PDB file of all heavy atoms in Angstrom:
ATOM      1  N   THR A   1      -3.492 -12.591 -14.834  1.00  0.00           N
ATOM      2  CA  THR A   1      -2.269 -11.882 -15.290  1.00  0.00           C
ATOM      3  C   THR A   1      -2.413 -10.396 -15.093  1.00  0.00           C
ATOM      4  O   THR A   1      -3.464  -9.852 -15.250  1.00  0.00           O
ATOM      5  CB  THR A   1      -2.008 -12.191 -16.748  1.00  0.00           C
ATOM      6  OG1 THR A   1      -1.765 -13.585 -16.908  1.00  0.00           O
ATOM      7  CG2 THR A   1      -0.816 -11.419 -17.304  1.00  0.00           C
ATOM      8  N   ILE A   2      -1.292  -9.759 -14.708  1.00  0.00           N
ATOM      9  CA  ILE A   2      -1.245  -8.299 -14.645  1.00  0.00           C
ATOM     10  C   ILE A   2       0.040  -7.825 -15.349  1.00  0.00           C
ATOM     11  O   ILE A   2       1.093  -8.343 -15.036  1.00  0.00           O
ATOM     12  CB  ILE A   2      -1.312  -7.805 -13.173  1.00  0.00           C
ATOM     13  CG1 ILE A   2      -1.427  -6.274 -13.130  1.00  0.00           C
ATOM     14  CG2 ILE A   2      -0.184  -8.353 -12.338  1.00  0.00           C
ATOM     15  CD1 ILE A   2      -1.854  -5.750 -11.771  1.00  0.00           C
ATOM     16  N   THR A   3      -0.103  -6.870 -16.255  1.00  0.00           N
ATOM     17  CA  THR A   3       1.023  -6.417 -17.027  1.00  0.00           C
ATOM     18  C   THR A   3       1.771  -5.325 -16.222  1.00  0.00           C
ATOM     19  O   THR A   3       1.369  -4.899 -15.142  1.00  0.00           O
ATOM     20  CB  THR A   3       0.563  -5.802 -18.363  1.00  0.00           C
ATOM     21  OG1 THR A   3      -0.142  -4.576 -18.082  1.00  0.00           O
ATOM     22  CG2 THR A   3      -0.339  -6.782 -19.085  1.00  0.00           C
ATOM     23  N   ASN A   4       2.880  -4.843 -16.874  1.00  0.00           N
ATOM     24  CA  ASN A   4       3.631  -3.820 -16.210  1.00  0.00           C
ATOM     25  C   ASN A   4       2.865  -2.475 -16.132  1.00  0.00           C
ATOM     26  O   ASN A   4       3.181  -1.600 -15.338  1.00  0.00           O
ATOM     27  CB  ASN A   4       4.993  -3.599 -16.921  1.00  0.00           C
ATOM     28  CG  ASN A   4       4.814  -3.248 -18.395  1.00  0.00           C
ATOM     29  OD1 ASN A   4       3.831  -3.600 -19.029  1.00  0.00           O
ATOM     30  ND2 ASN A   4       5.758  -2.546 -18.954  1.00  0.00           N
ATOM     31  N   THR A   5       1.837  -2.351 -17.005  1.00  0.00           N
ATOM     32  CA  THR A   5       0.974  -1.136 -16.960  1.00  0.00           C
ATOM     33  C   THR A   5      -0.278  -1.399 -16.119  1.00  0.00           C
ATOM     34  O   THR A   5      -1.181  -0.634 -16.140  1.00  0.00           O
ATOM     35  CB  THR A   5       0.577  -0.681 -18.342  1.00  0.00           C
ATOM     36  OG1 THR A   5      -0.118  -1.780 -19.005  1.00  0.00           O
ATOM     37  CG2 THR A   5       1.884  -0.299 -19.153  1.00  0.00           C
ATOM     38  N   LYS A   6      -0.319  -2.529 -15.414  1.00  0.00           N
ATOM     39  CA  LYS A   6      -1.446  -2.935 -14.494  1.00  0.00           C
ATOM     40  C   LYS A   6      -2.682  -3.282 -15.210  1.00  0.00           C
ATOM     41  O   LYS A   6      -3.770  -3.205 -14.638  1.00  0.00           O
ATOM     42  CB  LYS A   6      -1.656  -1.877 -13.446  1.00  0.00           C
ATOM     43  CG  LYS A   6      -0.404  -1.673 -12.575  1.00  0.00           C
ATOM     44  CD  LYS A   6      -0.670  -0.825 -11.344  1.00  0.00           C
ATOM     45  CE  LYS A   6       0.548  -0.737 -10.491  1.00  0.00           C
ATOM     46  NZ  LYS A   6       0.370   0.077  -9.250  1.00  0.00           N
ATOM     47  N   SER A   7      -2.621  -3.628 -16.516  1.00  0.00           N
ATOM     48  CA  SER A   7      -3.746  -4.227 -17.202  1.00  0.00           C
ATOM     49  C   SER A   7      -3.905  -5.633 -16.722  1.00  0.00           C
ATOM     50  O   SER A   7      -2.929  -6.369 -16.546  1.00  0.00           O
ATOM     51  CB  SER A   7      -3.517  -4.200 -18.718  1.00  0.00           C
ATOM     52  OG  SER A   7      -4.532  -4.805 -19.394  1.00  0.00           O
ATOM     53  N   THR A   8      -5.167  -6.098 -16.503  1.00  0.00           N
ATOM     54  CA  THR A   8      -5.370  -7.349 -15.973  1.00  0.00           C
ATOM     55  C   THR A   8      -6.212  -8.269 -16.849  1.00  0.00           C
ATOM     56  O   THR A   8      -6.983  -7.774 -17.683  1.00  0.00           O
ATOM     57  CB  THR A   8      -6.101  -7.297 -14.574  1.00  0.00           C
ATOM     58  OG1 THR A   8      -7.346  -6.583 -14.756  1.00  0.00           O
ATOM     59  CG2 THR A   8      -5.292  -6.494 -13.547  1.00  0.00           C
ATOM     60  N   ASN A   9      -6.037  -9.543 -16.635  1.00  0.00           N
ATOM     61  CA  ASN A   9      -6.821 -10.543 -17.394  1.00  0.00           C
ATOM     62  C   ASN A   9      -7.061 -11.759 -16.486  1.00  0.00           C
ATOM     63  O   ASN A   9      -6.166 -12.120 -15.689  1.00  0.00           O
ATOM     64  CB  ASN A   9      -6.090 -10.979 -18.654  1.00  0.00           C
ATOM     65  CG  ASN A   9      -6.898 -11.842 -19.551  1.00  0.00           C
ATOM     66  OD1 ASN A   9      -8.084 -11.555 -19.781  1.00  0.00           O
ATOM     67  ND2 ASN A   9      -6.360 -12.923 -20.059  1.00  0.00           N
ATOM     68  N   TYR A  10      -8.222 -12.354 -16.646  1.00  0.00           N
ATOM     69  CA  TYR A  10      -8.591 -13.482 -15.763  1.00  0.00           C
ATOM     70  C   TYR A  10      -9.130 -14.688 -16.523  1.00  0.00           C
ATOM     71  O   TYR A  10      -9.771 -14.550 -17.595  1.00  0.00           O
ATOM     72  CB  TYR A  10      -9.689 -13.070 -14.719  1.00  0.00           C
ATOM     73  CG  TYR A  10      -9.270 -11.947 -13.861  1.00  0.00           C
ATOM     74  CD1 TYR A  10      -9.451 -10.606 -14.192  1.00  0.00           C
ATOM     75  CD2 TYR A  10      -8.663 -12.197 -12.608  1.00  0.00           C
ATOM     76  CE1 TYR A  10      -9.045  -9.567 -13.362  1.00  0.00           C
ATOM     77  CE2 TYR A  10      -8.304 -11.180 -11.758  1.00  0.00           C
ATOM     78  CZ  TYR A  10      -8.475  -9.857 -12.125  1.00  0.00           C
ATOM     79  OH  TYR A  10      -8.069  -8.871 -11.276  1.00  0.00           O
ATOM     80  N   ALA A  11      -8.877 -15.865 -16.001  1.00  0.00           N
ATOM     81  CA  ALA A  11      -9.587 -17.025 -16.529  1.00  0.00           C
ATOM     82  C   ALA A  11     -11.049 -16.844 -16.188  1.00  0.00           C
ATOM     83  O   ALA A  11     -11.454 -16.245 -15.224  1.00  0.00           O
ATOM     84  CB  ALA A  11      -9.064 -18.259 -15.856  1.00  0.00           C
ATOM     85  N   ASP A  12     -11.874 -17.377 -17.111  1.00  0.00           N
ATOM     86  CA  ASP A  12     -13.356 -17.155 -16.974  1.00  0.00           C
ATOM     87  C   ASP A  12     -13.916 -17.556 -15.634  1.00  0.00           C
ATOM     88  O   ASP A  12     -14.830 -16.850 -15.114  1.00  0.00           O
ATOM     89  CB  ASP A  12     -14.105 -17.899 -18.107  1.00  0.00           C
ATOM     90  CG  ASP A  12     -13.896 -17.261 -19.456  1.00  0.00           C
ATOM     91  OD1 ASP A  12     -13.479 -16.065 -19.496  1.00  0.00           O
ATOM     92  OD2 ASP A  12     -14.151 -17.928 -20.460  1.00  0.00           O
ATOM     93  N   SER A  13     -13.465 -18.635 -15.085  1.00  0.00           N
ATOM     94  CA  SER A  13     -14.064 -19.157 -13.841  1.00  0.00           C
ATOM     95  C   SER A  13     -13.692 -18.337 -12.611  1.00  0.00           C
ATOM     96  O   SER A  13     -14.260 -18.485 -11.560  1.00  0.00           O
ATOM     97  CB  SER A  13     -13.627 -20.665 -13.643  1.00  0.00           C
ATOM     98  OG  SER A  13     -12.258 -20.725 -13.495  1.00  0.00           O
ATOM     99  N   MET A  14     -12.657 -17.460 -12.799  1.00  0.00           N
ATOM    100  CA  MET A  14     -12.264 -16.543 -11.689  1.00  0.00           C
ATOM    101  C   MET A  14     -12.808 -15.160 -11.761  1.00  0.00           C
ATOM    102  O   MET A  14     -12.731 -14.432 -10.760  1.00  0.00           O
ATOM    103  CB  MET A  14     -10.751 -16.497 -11.662  1.00  0.00           C
ATOM    104  CG  MET A  14     -10.054 -17.737 -11.211  1.00  0.00           C
ATOM    105  SD  MET A  14     -10.166 -19.091 -12.372  1.00  0.00           S
ATOM    106  CE  MET A  14      -8.924 -20.156 -11.855  1.00  0.00           C
ATOM    107  N   LYS A  15     -13.372 -14.784 -12.871  1.00  0.00           N
ATOM    108  CA  LYS A  15     -13.836 -13.426 -13.036  1.00  0.00           C
ATOM    109  C   LYS A  15     -14.922 -13.154 -12.016  1.00  0.00           C
ATOM    110  O   LYS A  15     -15.829 -13.849 -11.844  1.00  0.00           O
ATOM    111  CB  LYS A  15     -14.411 -13.226 -14.463  1.00  0.00           C
ATOM    112  CG  LYS A  15     -13.358 -13.195 -15.533  1.00  0.00           C
ATOM    113  CD  LYS A  15     -13.947 -13.009 -16.915  1.00  0.00           C
ATOM    114  CE  LYS A  15     -12.858 -12.965 -17.992  1.00  0.00           C
ATOM    115  NZ  LYS A  15     -13.469 -12.852 -19.325  1.00  0.00           N
ATOM    116  N   GLY A  16     -14.798 -11.973 -11.364  1.00  0.00           N
ATOM    117  CA  GLY A  16     -15.711 -11.572 -10.318  1.00  0.00           C
ATOM    118  C   GLY A  16     -15.396 -12.084  -8.970  1.00  0.00           C
ATOM    119  O   GLY A  16     -15.977 -11.595  -8.011  1.00  0.00           O
ATOM    120  N   ARG A  17     -14.569 -13.087  -8.886  1.00  0.00           N
ATOM    121  CA  ARG A  17     -14.224 -13.649  -7.535  1.00  0.00           C
ATOM    122  C   ARG A  17     -12.806 -13.373  -7.132  1.00  0.00           C
ATOM    123  O   ARG A  17     -12.534 -13.153  -5.984  1.00  0.00           O
ATOM    124  CB  ARG A  17     -14.422 -15.150  -7.570  1.00  0.00           C
ATOM    125  CG  ARG A  17     -15.854 -15.633  -7.811  1.00  0.00           C
ATOM    126  CD  ARG A  17     -16.009 -17.111  -7.495  1.00  0.00           C
ATOM    127  NE  ARG A  17     -15.139 -17.914  -8.290  1.00  0.00           N
ATOM    128  CZ  ARG A  17     -14.312 -18.858  -7.787  1.00  0.00           C
ATOM    129  NH1 ARG A  17     -14.193 -18.999  -6.467  1.00  0.00           N
ATOM    130  NH2 ARG A  17     -13.547 -19.566  -8.602  1.00  0.00           N
ATOM    131  N   PHE A  18     -11.871 -13.317  -8.131  1.00  0.00           N
ATOM    132  CA  PHE A  18     -10.495 -13.158  -7.835  1.00  0.00           C
ATOM    133  C   PHE A  18     -10.052 -11.779  -8.382  1.00  0.00           C
ATOM    134  O   PHE A  18     -10.519 -11.328  -9.449  1.00  0.00           O
ATOM    135  CB  PHE A  18      -9.611 -14.202  -8.543  1.00  0.00           C
ATOM    136  CG  PHE A  18      -9.794 -15.605  -7.908  1.00  0.00           C
ATOM    137  CD1 PHE A  18     -10.723 -15.921  -6.978  1.00  0.00           C
ATOM    138  CD2 PHE A  18      -8.959 -16.672  -8.374  1.00  0.00           C
ATOM    139  CE1 PHE A  18     -10.887 -17.188  -6.463  1.00  0.00           C
ATOM    140  CE2 PHE A  18      -9.040 -17.902  -7.854  1.00  0.00           C
ATOM    141  CZ  PHE A  18     -10.042 -18.144  -6.897  1.00  0.00           C
ATOM    142  N   THR A  19      -9.076 -11.147  -7.706  1.00  0.00           N
ATOM    143  CA  THR A  19      -8.502  -9.866  -8.102  1.00  0.00           C
ATOM    144  C   THR A  19      -7.029  -9.942  -8.056  1.00  0.00           C
ATOM    145  O   THR A  19      -6.434 -10.247  -6.933  1.00  0.00           O
ATOM    146  CB  THR A  19      -9.019  -8.706  -7.287  1.00  0.00           C
ATOM    147  OG1 THR A  19     -10.450  -8.689  -7.406  1.00  0.00           O
ATOM    148  CG2 THR A  19      -8.470  -7.398  -7.814  1.00  0.00           C
ATOM    149  N   ILE A  20      -6.342  -9.689  -9.123  1.00  0.00           N
ATOM    150  CA  ILE A  20      -4.881  -9.579  -9.120  1.00  0.00           C
ATOM    151  C   ILE A  20      -4.439  -8.157  -9.051  1.00  0.00           C
ATOM    152  O   ILE A  20      -5.108  -7.264  -9.610  1.00  0.00           O
ATOM    153  CB  ILE A  20      -4.266 -10.279 -10.349  1.00  0.00           C
ATOM    154  CG1 ILE A  20      -2.752 -10.420 -10.258  1.00  0.00           C
ATOM    155  CG2 ILE A  20      -4.654  -9.612 -11.684  1.00  0.00           C
ATOM    156  CD1 ILE A  20      -2.127 -11.302 -11.348  1.00  0.00           C
ATOM    157  N   SER A  21      -3.400  -7.905  -8.291  1.00  0.00           N
ATOM    158  CA  SER A  21      -2.874  -6.524  -8.189  1.00  0.00           C
ATOM    159  C   SER A  21      -1.392  -6.629  -7.950  1.00  0.00           C
ATOM    160  O   SER A  21      -0.850  -7.680  -7.647  1.00  0.00           O
ATOM    161  CB  SER A  21      -3.550  -5.764  -7.026  1.00  0.00           C
ATOM    162  OG  SER A  21      -3.351  -6.412  -5.815  1.00  0.00           O
ATOM    163  N   ARG A  22      -0.707  -5.479  -8.080  1.00  0.00           N
ATOM    164  CA  ARG A  22       0.727  -5.455  -7.860  1.00  0.00           C
ATOM    165  C   ARG A  22       1.125  -4.142  -7.161  1.00  0.00           C
ATOM    166  O   ARG A  22       0.491  -3.093  -7.390  1.00  0.00           O
ATOM    167  CB  ARG A  22       1.509  -5.644  -9.146  1.00  0.00           C
ATOM    168  CG  ARG A  22       1.384  -4.527 -10.143  1.00  0.00           C
ATOM    169  CD  ARG A  22       1.922  -4.910 -11.520  1.00  0.00           C
ATOM    170  NE  ARG A  22       3.386  -5.142 -11.452  1.00  0.00           N
ATOM    171  CZ  ARG A  22       4.015  -5.850 -12.427  1.00  0.00           C
ATOM    172  NH1 ARG A  22       3.380  -6.328 -13.442  1.00  0.00           N
ATOM    173  NH2 ARG A  22       5.313  -6.033 -12.313  1.00  0.00           N
ATOM    174  N   ASP A  23       2.173  -4.219  -6.402  1.00  0.00           N
ATOM    175  CA  ASP A  23       2.779  -3.068  -5.751  1.00  0.00           C
ATOM    176  C   ASP A  23       4.240  -3.073  -6.156  1.00  0.00           C
ATOM    177  O   ASP A  23       5.040  -3.838  -5.597  1.00  0.00           O
ATOM    178  CB  ASP A  23       2.618  -3.147  -4.215  1.00  0.00           C
ATOM    179  CG  ASP A  23       3.129  -1.914  -3.521  1.00  0.00           C
ATOM    180  OD1 ASP A  23       3.933  -1.169  -4.069  1.00  0.00           O
ATOM    181  OD2 ASP A  23       2.641  -1.670  -2.378  1.00  0.00           O
ATOM    182  N   ASN A  24       4.539  -2.215  -7.136  1.00  0.00           N
ATOM    183  CA  ASN A  24       5.969  -2.207  -7.626  1.00  0.00           C
ATOM    184  C   ASN A  24       6.898  -1.720  -6.622  1.00  0.00           C
ATOM    185  O   ASN A  24       8.109  -2.049  -6.648  1.00  0.00           O
ATOM    186  CB  ASN A  24       6.002  -1.366  -8.913  1.00  0.00           C
ATOM    187  CG  ASN A  24       5.302  -2.064 -10.115  1.00  0.00           C
ATOM    188  OD1 ASN A  24       5.141  -3.278 -10.099  1.00  0.00           O
ATOM    189  ND2 ASN A  24       4.865  -1.273 -11.046  1.00  0.00           N
ATOM    190  N   ALA A  25       6.454  -0.874  -5.708  1.00  0.00           N
ATOM    191  CA  ALA A  25       7.321  -0.365  -4.689  1.00  0.00           C
ATOM    192  C   ALA A  25       7.775  -1.462  -3.690  1.00  0.00           C
ATOM    193  O   ALA A  25       8.842  -1.415  -3.096  1.00  0.00           O
ATOM    194  CB  ALA A  25       6.676   0.752  -3.891  1.00  0.00           C
ATOM    195  N   LYS A  26       6.881  -2.490  -3.580  1.00  0.00           N
ATOM    196  CA  LYS A  26       7.188  -3.598  -2.679  1.00  0.00           C
ATOM    197  C   LYS A  26       7.614  -4.896  -3.426  1.00  0.00           C
ATOM    198  O   LYS A  26       7.808  -5.939  -2.811  1.00  0.00           O
ATOM    199  CB  LYS A  26       5.966  -3.890  -1.821  1.00  0.00           C
ATOM    200  CG  LYS A  26       5.606  -2.816  -0.870  1.00  0.00           C
ATOM    201  CD  LYS A  26       4.412  -3.250   0.012  1.00  0.00           C
ATOM    202  CE  LYS A  26       4.056  -2.126   1.012  1.00  0.00           C
ATOM    203  NZ  LYS A  26       2.897  -2.525   1.876  1.00  0.00           N
ATOM    204  N   ASN A  27       7.692  -4.777  -4.753  1.00  0.00           N
ATOM    205  CA  ASN A  27       8.063  -5.960  -5.592  1.00  0.00           C
ATOM    206  C   ASN A  27       7.189  -7.117  -5.288  1.00  0.00           C
ATOM    207  O   ASN A  27       7.623  -8.301  -5.143  1.00  0.00           O
ATOM    208  CB  ASN A  27       9.524  -6.299  -5.367  1.00  0.00           C
ATOM    209  CG  ASN A  27      10.486  -5.330  -6.039  1.00  0.00           C
ATOM    210  OD1 ASN A  27      10.055  -4.401  -6.753  1.00  0.00           O
ATOM    211  ND2 ASN A  27      11.769  -5.514  -5.850  1.00  0.00           N
ATOM    212  N   THR A  28       5.916  -6.840  -5.183  1.00  0.00           N
ATOM    213  CA  THR A  28       4.927  -7.897  -4.752  1.00  0.00           C
ATOM    214  C   THR A  28       3.698  -7.904  -5.622  1.00  0.00           C
ATOM    215  O   THR A  28       3.183  -6.811  -6.000  1.00  0.00           O
ATOM    216  CB  THR A  28       4.551  -7.745  -3.308  1.00  0.00           C
ATOM    217  OG1 THR A  28       5.744  -7.798  -2.474  1.00  0.00           O
ATOM    218  CG2 THR A  28       3.601  -8.811  -2.821  1.00  0.00           C
ATOM    219  N   VAL A  29       3.266  -9.071  -5.981  1.00  0.00           N
ATOM    220  CA  VAL A  29       1.990  -9.278  -6.642  1.00  0.00           C
ATOM    221  C   VAL A  29       1.033 -10.042  -5.729  1.00  0.00           C
ATOM    222  O   VAL A  29       1.480 -10.873  -4.968  1.00  0.00           O
ATOM    223  CB  VAL A  29       2.194  -9.964  -8.042  1.00  0.00           C
ATOM    224  CG1 VAL A  29       2.753 -11.349  -7.848  1.00  0.00           C
ATOM    225  CG2 VAL A  29       0.882 -10.024  -8.801  1.00  0.00           C
ATOM    226  N   TYR A  30      -0.227  -9.652  -5.801  1.00  0.00           N
ATOM    227  CA  TYR A  30      -1.216 -10.249  -4.904  1.00  0.00           C
ATOM    228  C   TYR A  30      -2.331 -10.907  -5.693  1.00  0.00           C
ATOM    229  O   TYR A  30      -2.633 -10.610  -6.862  1.00  0.00           O
ATOM    230  CB  TYR A  30      -1.869  -9.107  -4.010  1.00  0.00           C
ATOM    231  CG  TYR A  30      -0.890  -8.317  -3.261  1.00  0.00           C
ATOM    232  CD1 TYR A  30      -0.401  -7.127  -3.726  1.00  0.00           C
ATOM    233  CD2 TYR A  30      -0.398  -8.793  -2.017  1.00  0.00           C
ATOM    234  CE1 TYR A  30       0.489  -6.305  -2.947  1.00  0.00           C
ATOM    235  CE2 TYR A  30       0.560  -8.051  -1.288  1.00  0.00           C
ATOM    236  CZ  TYR A  30       0.946  -6.838  -1.782  1.00  0.00           C
ATOM    237  OH  TYR A  30       1.890  -6.102  -1.051  1.00  0.00           O
ATOM    238  N   LEU A  31      -3.013 -11.848  -4.994  1.00  0.00           N
ATOM    239  CA  LEU A  31      -4.187 -12.464  -5.582  1.00  0.00           C
ATOM    240  C   LEU A  31      -5.184 -12.492  -4.434  1.00  0.00           C
ATOM    241  O   LEU A  31      -5.076 -13.241  -3.492  1.00  0.00           O
ATOM    242  CB  LEU A  31      -3.927 -13.848  -6.115  1.00  0.00           C
ATOM    243  CG  LEU A  31      -5.172 -14.472  -6.825  1.00  0.00           C
ATOM    244  CD1 LEU A  31      -5.504 -13.734  -8.099  1.00  0.00           C
ATOM    245  CD2 LEU A  31      -4.907 -15.942  -7.067  1.00  0.00           C
ATOM    246  N   GLN A  32      -6.264 -11.643  -4.555  1.00  0.00           N
ATOM    247  CA  GLN A  32      -7.324 -11.651  -3.591  1.00  0.00           C
ATOM    248  C   GLN A  32      -8.394 -12.661  -4.117  1.00  0.00           C
ATOM    249  O   GLN A  32      -8.872 -12.510  -5.233  1.00  0.00           O
ATOM    250  CB  GLN A  32      -7.957 -10.273  -3.422  1.00  0.00           C
ATOM    251  CG  GLN A  32      -9.156 -10.250  -2.518  1.00  0.00           C
ATOM    252  CD  GLN A  32      -8.768 -10.487  -1.083  1.00  0.00           C
ATOM    253  OE1 GLN A  32      -7.812  -9.976  -0.520  1.00  0.00           O
ATOM    254  NE2 GLN A  32      -9.640 -11.268  -0.392  1.00  0.00           N
ATOM    255  N   MET A  33      -8.670 -13.627  -3.293  1.00  0.00           N
ATOM    256  CA  MET A  33      -9.633 -14.655  -3.710  1.00  0.00           C
ATOM    257  C   MET A  33     -10.826 -14.652  -2.754  1.00  0.00           C
ATOM    258  O   MET A  33     -10.677 -14.809  -1.494  1.00  0.00           O
ATOM    259  CB  MET A  33      -8.935 -16.052  -3.608  1.00  0.00           C
ATOM    260  CG  MET A  33      -7.693 -16.125  -4.485  1.00  0.00           C
ATOM    261  SD  MET A  33      -7.028 -17.764  -4.567  1.00  0.00           S
ATOM    262  CE  MET A  33      -6.559 -18.043  -2.861  1.00  0.00           C
ATOM    263  N   ASN A  34     -12.007 -14.416  -3.316  1.00  0.00           N
ATOM    264  CA  ASN A  34     -13.248 -14.374  -2.564  1.00  0.00           C
ATOM    265  C   ASN A  34     -14.185 -15.444  -3.014  1.00  0.00           C
ATOM    266  O   ASN A  34     -13.971 -16.032  -4.105  1.00  0.00           O
ATOM    267  CB  ASN A  34     -13.904 -12.994  -2.718  1.00  0.00           C
ATOM    268  CG  ASN A  34     -13.083 -11.878  -2.194  1.00  0.00           C
ATOM    269  OD1 ASN A  34     -12.299 -12.016  -1.278  1.00  0.00           O
ATOM    270  ND2 ASN A  34     -13.165 -10.701  -2.895  1.00  0.00           N
ATOM    271  N   SER A  35     -15.196 -15.700  -2.220  1.00  0.00           N
ATOM    272  CA  SER A  35     -16.234 -16.727  -2.578  1.00  0.00           C
ATOM    273  C   SER A  35     -15.568 -18.016  -2.977  1.00  0.00           C
ATOM    274  O   SER A  35     -15.925 -18.607  -4.033  1.00  0.00           O
ATOM    275  CB  SER A  35     -17.151 -16.162  -3.681  1.00  0.00           C
ATOM    276  OG  SER A  35     -17.751 -15.016  -3.270  1.00  0.00           O
ATOM    277  N   LEU A  36     -14.648 -18.465  -2.201  1.00  0.00           N
ATOM    278  CA  LEU A  36     -13.876 -19.669  -2.629  1.00  0.00           C
ATOM    279  C   LEU A  36     -14.758 -20.934  -2.591  1.00  0.00           C
ATOM    280  O   LEU A  36     -15.663 -21.078  -1.769  1.00  0.00           O
ATOM    281  CB  LEU A  36     -12.703 -19.829  -1.646  1.00  0.00           C
ATOM    282  CG  LEU A  36     -11.527 -18.925  -1.967  1.00  0.00           C
ATOM    283  CD1 LEU A  36     -10.555 -18.781  -0.768  1.00  0.00           C
ATOM    284  CD2 LEU A  36     -10.762 -19.357  -3.169  1.00  0.00           C
ATOM    285  N   LYS A  37     -14.401 -21.788  -3.523  1.00  0.00           N
ATOM    286  CA  LYS A  37     -15.135 -23.056  -3.706  1.00  0.00           C
ATOM    287  C   LYS A  37     -14.205 -24.244  -3.545  1.00  0.00           C
ATOM    288  O   LYS A  37     -12.977 -24.083  -3.761  1.00  0.00           O
ATOM    289  CB  LYS A  37     -15.742 -23.113  -5.112  1.00  0.00           C
ATOM    290  CG  LYS A  37     -16.581 -21.909  -5.499  1.00  0.00           C
ATOM    291  CD  LYS A  37     -16.998 -21.966  -6.949  1.00  0.00           C
ATOM    292  CE  LYS A  37     -17.819 -20.721  -7.406  1.00  0.00           C
ATOM    293  NZ  LYS A  37     -18.181 -20.821  -8.796  1.00  0.00           N
ATOM    294  N   PRO A  38     -14.715 -25.406  -3.239  1.00  0.00           N
ATOM    295  CA  PRO A  38     -13.824 -26.587  -3.128  1.00  0.00           C
ATOM    296  C   PRO A  38     -13.026 -26.846  -4.348  1.00  0.00           C
ATOM    297  O   PRO A  38     -11.863 -27.241  -4.255  1.00  0.00           O
ATOM    298  CB  PRO A  38     -14.842 -27.734  -2.819  1.00  0.00           C
ATOM    299  CG  PRO A  38     -15.956 -27.080  -2.126  1.00  0.00           C
ATOM    300  CD  PRO A  38     -16.095 -25.697  -2.781  1.00  0.00           C
ATOM    301  N   GLU A  39     -13.515 -26.516  -5.515  1.00  0.00           N
ATOM    302  CA  GLU A  39     -12.755 -26.713  -6.728  1.00  0.00           C
ATOM    303  C   GLU A  39     -11.666 -25.713  -6.963  1.00  0.00           C
ATOM    304  O   GLU A  39     -10.863 -25.829  -7.908  1.00  0.00           O
ATOM    305  CB  GLU A  39     -13.734 -26.697  -8.004  1.00  0.00           C
ATOM    306  CG  GLU A  39     -14.602 -25.464  -8.085  1.00  0.00           C
ATOM    307  CD  GLU A  39     -16.018 -25.748  -7.488  1.00  0.00           C
ATOM    308  OE1 GLU A  39     -16.092 -26.445  -6.420  1.00  0.00           O
ATOM    309  OE2 GLU A  39     -16.991 -25.333  -8.100  1.00  0.00           O
ATOM    310  N   ASP A  40     -11.551 -24.716  -6.051  1.00  0.00           N
ATOM    311  CA  ASP A  40     -10.379 -23.828  -6.106  1.00  0.00           C
ATOM    312  C   ASP A  40      -9.156 -24.415  -5.337  1.00  0.00           C
ATOM    313  O   ASP A  40      -8.089 -23.796  -5.399  1.00  0.00           O
ATOM    314  CB  ASP A  40     -10.728 -22.431  -5.408  1.00  0.00           C
ATOM    315  CG  ASP A  40     -11.805 -21.724  -6.240  1.00  0.00           C
ATOM    316  OD1 ASP A  40     -11.749 -21.692  -7.462  1.00  0.00           O
ATOM    317  OD2 ASP A  40     -12.752 -21.151  -5.618  1.00  0.00           O
TER     318      ASP A  40
END
């Protein structure tokens, strides 16, 4: 989750691997996913 002030929160299993971000100028939210596993 990312708030309107860009504070973020992650599920435990995603911490350190996934990054959420937003670009309000583009009305877009992103999820960068690294070190992907089959269970993802």
